[in-house]
Protein backbone atom coordinates (compact mmCIF):
# COMPACT_ATOMS: atom_id res chain seq x y z
CA UNK A 1 265.18 54.07 -25.64
CA UNK A 2 267.16 51.55 -27.69
CA UNK A 3 267.55 51.87 -31.43
CA UNK A 4 267.09 49.04 -33.88
CA UNK A 5 270.23 48.81 -36.04
CA UNK A 6 268.30 48.33 -39.27
CA UNK A 7 265.81 51.20 -39.45
CA UNK A 8 266.13 54.42 -41.44
CA UNK A 9 263.94 57.51 -41.42
CA UNK A 10 264.34 59.32 -44.75
CA UNK A 11 262.97 62.87 -45.01
CA UNK A 12 262.77 64.40 -48.49
CA UNK A 13 260.15 66.62 -50.11
CA UNK A 14 260.80 65.12 -53.56
CA UNK A 15 258.52 62.11 -54.04
CA UNK A 16 260.74 60.73 -56.82
CA UNK A 17 263.78 60.82 -54.52
CA UNK A 18 261.79 59.07 -51.77
CA UNK A 19 260.73 56.33 -54.16
CA UNK A 20 264.22 55.87 -55.62
CA UNK A 21 265.68 55.72 -52.11
CA UNK A 22 263.07 53.15 -51.05
CA UNK A 23 263.62 51.00 -54.13
CA UNK A 24 267.38 51.15 -53.69
CA UNK A 25 267.26 50.24 -50.01
CA UNK A 26 264.79 47.40 -50.66
CA UNK A 27 267.01 46.02 -53.42
CA UNK A 28 270.40 46.45 -51.76
CA UNK A 29 269.52 46.01 -48.10
CA UNK A 30 266.21 44.09 -47.82
CA UNK A 31 266.55 43.67 -44.05
CA UNK A 32 266.39 47.42 -43.46
CA UNK A 33 263.07 48.93 -42.43
CA UNK A 34 262.36 52.33 -43.90
CA UNK A 35 260.17 55.18 -42.70
CA UNK A 36 259.57 57.87 -45.33
CA UNK A 37 258.45 61.44 -44.76
CA UNK A 38 257.76 64.00 -47.48
CA UNK A 39 258.40 66.91 -45.07
CA UNK A 40 260.37 67.62 -41.94
CA UNK A 41 257.15 68.06 -40.01
CA UNK A 42 256.00 64.55 -40.97
CA UNK A 43 259.44 63.16 -40.06
CA UNK A 44 259.17 64.72 -36.61
CA UNK A 45 255.65 63.31 -36.27
CA UNK A 46 257.06 59.84 -37.02
CA UNK A 47 259.67 60.25 -34.27
CA UNK A 48 256.97 61.36 -31.83
CA UNK A 49 254.72 58.47 -32.86
CA UNK A 50 257.51 55.95 -32.30
CA UNK A 51 258.01 57.43 -28.83
CA UNK A 52 254.27 57.32 -28.04
CA UNK A 53 254.09 53.69 -29.17
CA UNK A 54 257.25 52.87 -27.19
CA UNK A 55 258.95 51.65 -30.37
CA UNK A 56 262.67 52.03 -31.04
CA UNK A 57 263.98 55.13 -32.77
CA UNK A 58 265.54 54.79 -36.21
CA UNK A 59 269.17 53.76 -36.43
CA UNK A 60 269.74 56.57 -38.90
CA UNK A 61 267.90 59.68 -40.02
CA UNK A 62 268.63 60.95 -43.52
CA UNK A 63 267.40 64.45 -44.34
CA UNK A 64 267.32 66.31 -47.64
CA UNK A 65 269.03 69.71 -47.27
CA UNK A 66 266.76 71.70 -49.59
CA UNK A 67 263.10 71.51 -48.61
CA UNK A 68 260.35 74.11 -48.32
CA UNK A 69 259.12 75.34 -44.94
CA UNK A 70 261.59 73.54 -42.69
CA UNK A 71 264.84 72.82 -44.56
CA UNK A 72 267.52 70.29 -43.66
CA UNK A 73 269.47 72.70 -41.47
CA UNK A 74 266.37 73.64 -39.45
CA UNK A 75 265.33 70.02 -39.16
CA UNK A 76 268.79 69.00 -37.97
CA UNK A 77 268.81 71.80 -35.39
CA UNK A 78 265.36 70.84 -34.16
CA UNK A 79 266.13 67.14 -33.81
CA UNK A 80 269.38 67.93 -31.98
CA UNK A 81 267.48 70.23 -29.61
CA UNK A 82 265.29 67.35 -28.39
CA UNK A 83 267.28 65.51 -25.75
CA UNK A 84 265.80 62.07 -26.41
CA UNK A 85 266.81 62.29 -30.12
CA UNK A 86 270.30 63.75 -29.72
CA UNK A 87 272.11 60.43 -30.09
CA UNK A 88 270.39 59.30 -33.29
CA UNK A 89 272.89 59.40 -36.17
CA UNK A 90 271.90 61.88 -38.86
CA UNK A 91 273.12 62.37 -42.41
CA UNK A 92 272.14 65.37 -44.50
CA UNK A 93 271.67 64.56 -48.18
CA UNK A 94 272.22 67.35 -50.69
CA UNK A 95 272.74 67.67 -54.43
CA UNK A 96 275.59 70.10 -53.78
CA UNK A 97 277.47 70.56 -50.49
CA UNK A 98 279.47 73.74 -50.01
CA UNK A 99 281.92 74.33 -47.16
CA UNK A 100 279.27 76.15 -45.10
CA UNK A 101 276.93 73.15 -45.33
CA UNK A 102 279.68 70.73 -44.38
CA UNK A 103 280.77 72.85 -41.41
CA UNK A 104 277.18 73.35 -40.25
CA UNK A 105 276.50 69.63 -40.31
CA UNK A 106 279.76 68.83 -38.55
CA UNK A 107 278.95 71.35 -35.81
CA UNK A 108 275.58 69.65 -35.29
CA UNK A 109 276.92 66.10 -35.21
CA UNK A 110 275.79 65.14 -38.68
CA UNK A 111 277.37 63.91 -41.87
CA UNK A 112 276.86 66.00 -45.00
CA UNK A 113 276.66 63.78 -48.07
CA UNK A 114 276.25 64.63 -51.73
CA UNK A 115 273.41 62.55 -53.15
CA UNK A 116 274.84 59.66 -55.18
CA UNK A 117 273.99 59.87 -58.86
CA UNK A 118 273.99 56.15 -59.62
CA UNK A 119 273.09 52.86 -58.02
CA UNK A 120 276.68 51.76 -57.32
CA UNK A 121 277.59 55.04 -55.61
CA UNK A 122 274.36 54.91 -53.62
CA UNK A 123 275.19 51.42 -52.41
CA UNK A 124 278.71 52.46 -51.35
CA UNK A 125 277.43 55.58 -49.57
CA UNK A 126 274.68 53.79 -47.70
CA UNK A 127 276.97 50.89 -46.76
CA UNK A 128 279.52 53.34 -45.34
CA UNK A 129 276.80 55.00 -43.24
CA UNK A 130 275.43 51.67 -42.03
CA UNK A 131 278.89 50.47 -41.05
CA UNK A 132 279.17 53.45 -38.69
CA UNK A 133 275.93 52.63 -36.88
CA UNK A 134 276.25 50.61 -33.72
CA UNK A 135 273.28 49.65 -31.56
CA UNK A 136 273.07 51.22 -28.13
């Protein structure tokens, strides 16, 4: 299934972070469509729903590292275990990335990114990620 180059699925249990991310994306990149999920389980449901509706997968999945139940590592492993989702670019967002986190993400084909603390840094980080996305 083809991906649309301007769609992001953002998974984060923190409602404030979801809203800040949405506001930032809408302000900086108004052409980007955003799916938000407040848990990994809901994010996976969104991917399954897109498949069922024969809609394109997101161009990028961004996942918070520290979440209850299913954390970012588990979510990354799960998504990578599903063949039809293996090629979707994924970035793990975390407030603090240690070497283990970075290595884990690298081994699972994901970027590990420290959450930007201001608008300008957020813009630079998201632009860098978007520049790496190429449609299939």
